[in-house]
Amino acid sequence: MSWWRASSFKGFDLNLKGTGISNQSYTLKAFEGIHEISQQDWDACANPGRSGADTGIPFDPFLSHAFLSALEQSHSAVAETGWAPYHLALEHETKGVVGVVPMYLKSHSQGEYVFDYSWADAFERAGGRYYPKLQVSVPFTPATGRRLLTRPDAEDPELEKYLLSGLMQVAEQMEVSSVHITFSDKHQWDKMGELGFLQRTHNQFHWKNDNYSNFDDFLAALSSKKRKNIKRERRGALEAGIEIERITGSDLTEEHWDAFYQFYVDTGNRKWGTPYLKRQFFSIIGETMPDDTLLIMCKRDGRYVAGAINFIGGECLFGRNWGCIEHHPYLHFEVCYYQAIEFAIERGLKRVEAGAQGQHKLARGYLPTHTYSAHWIANKSLRDAIDNYLTDERRYVDEEIDYITEQGPFKKPEGEAESE
């Protein structure tokens, strides 16, 4: 199936009767835009606790209909940028939509933060066609969370398995090379492995809130040297007359977005060549999810010179993008790490996810943490080769996390030497 045919392959229904996993009446439908699924139906699956119900599922801003819609409305995640929306919805004959999956038909591997370039290169050198592929993720967002979004009140413990089975059926019907589910939570990742998806692990640095009452309380848990370094960096960040503002909710204005977008584009041009997010995206989220958005902006001599955007979850502050038009020592650490920690403590959030990579985060209180992805590969030879590679990679990631954790910034138990 050619790329243009795959991108227009829409509207089909997959009846899950006869799949061997259920005899109930479920139908899986595909949609080429988030607007084709009602916000009420989507959010009832993605963030079921937002309505006030006690579901035990924390609010995830990236899975919300508003966030995904902003990506599509702004033409940031669309077919023209290589992210053709192809979302799935699982419908019950009487209960309606009971599960959804944020999915995209990809013509490249950019903006994913889980790298499979070598897989694509090897397969295509052997005469295969790796693209298009299916990607279950939040575009341009290496944040952990659920990927199989189901309604708890549907009261069917097998819904996630239905969605996984449906994903494989969709991939086979579309004749794509693979399905990739990235930055999944551990519980769903385990189920993916049970159904034959190849399992992959990675390492990110997350800050965890140990019931700190304030930033000084957090500092007190660190080794003496790390504590002094952080205090020195925080003082140094402001020495040039920098003023820091936290802006959220109705205080967000187009002036803020104009300034921040300038920072974002500058960083994007240097790192990626072409920034992923369009200017309109920021205006849309400023209108549709202002209370879930936090800008930390820096002023010098009355004008904004740097800033970072964060999204506020039910349990986590997610740091996303940083940029500046003036370089000042330690300012990046202050804005992206220390301000985020302070905000999380004030809001009672359990952790801060500050994006991908960055071992320099360790000295700032962020510890290595496993993240998870799963991969369905259609070609058996490619699947076997990747499976062997991932076995070794998982072991290496485990060893790396154990080693880095030992070098952590926190006080050691009495009798153990502190790391330098």
Foldseek 3Di string as FASTA:
>chain_A
DDPVCLLVPAFDKDFCDPVPPDNATKIKGKDQALVVPDQVLQCLQQPVCPVPDDPVFWFDVLSHSLLRNLCVVQVLQPVVVFWGWIKMFMQGPPPGTFKIFGKTFGQDPPQALDDDVVLQVVQVVVPHHQPGEMEGDRGNAQEAEAGITGRVVVVDPCSLVSVLVVVVVSCVVSVHFKYKYFRYDPVSLVVLVVVPWFKFKDKFWKFFCPLAQAVVSVLVQFDPVLSVVVVVLVVQLCPQPKDKDKDFDPRDDVLVLVVAVVFQQVVCCVPPVGRSGDSSSVVSCCPVPRRQKIKIFIDDPHDTFWIWIWGHMRAEIETRDIGGNDDGGSNCVCHQQVVRVRVCSVVVHGMYGRDGDDLVCQSVRIAMDMGMMTMDGDDPVSVVVVSVVRVVNVVVNVVVRVVSNQQGGGDDDPPDDHHD
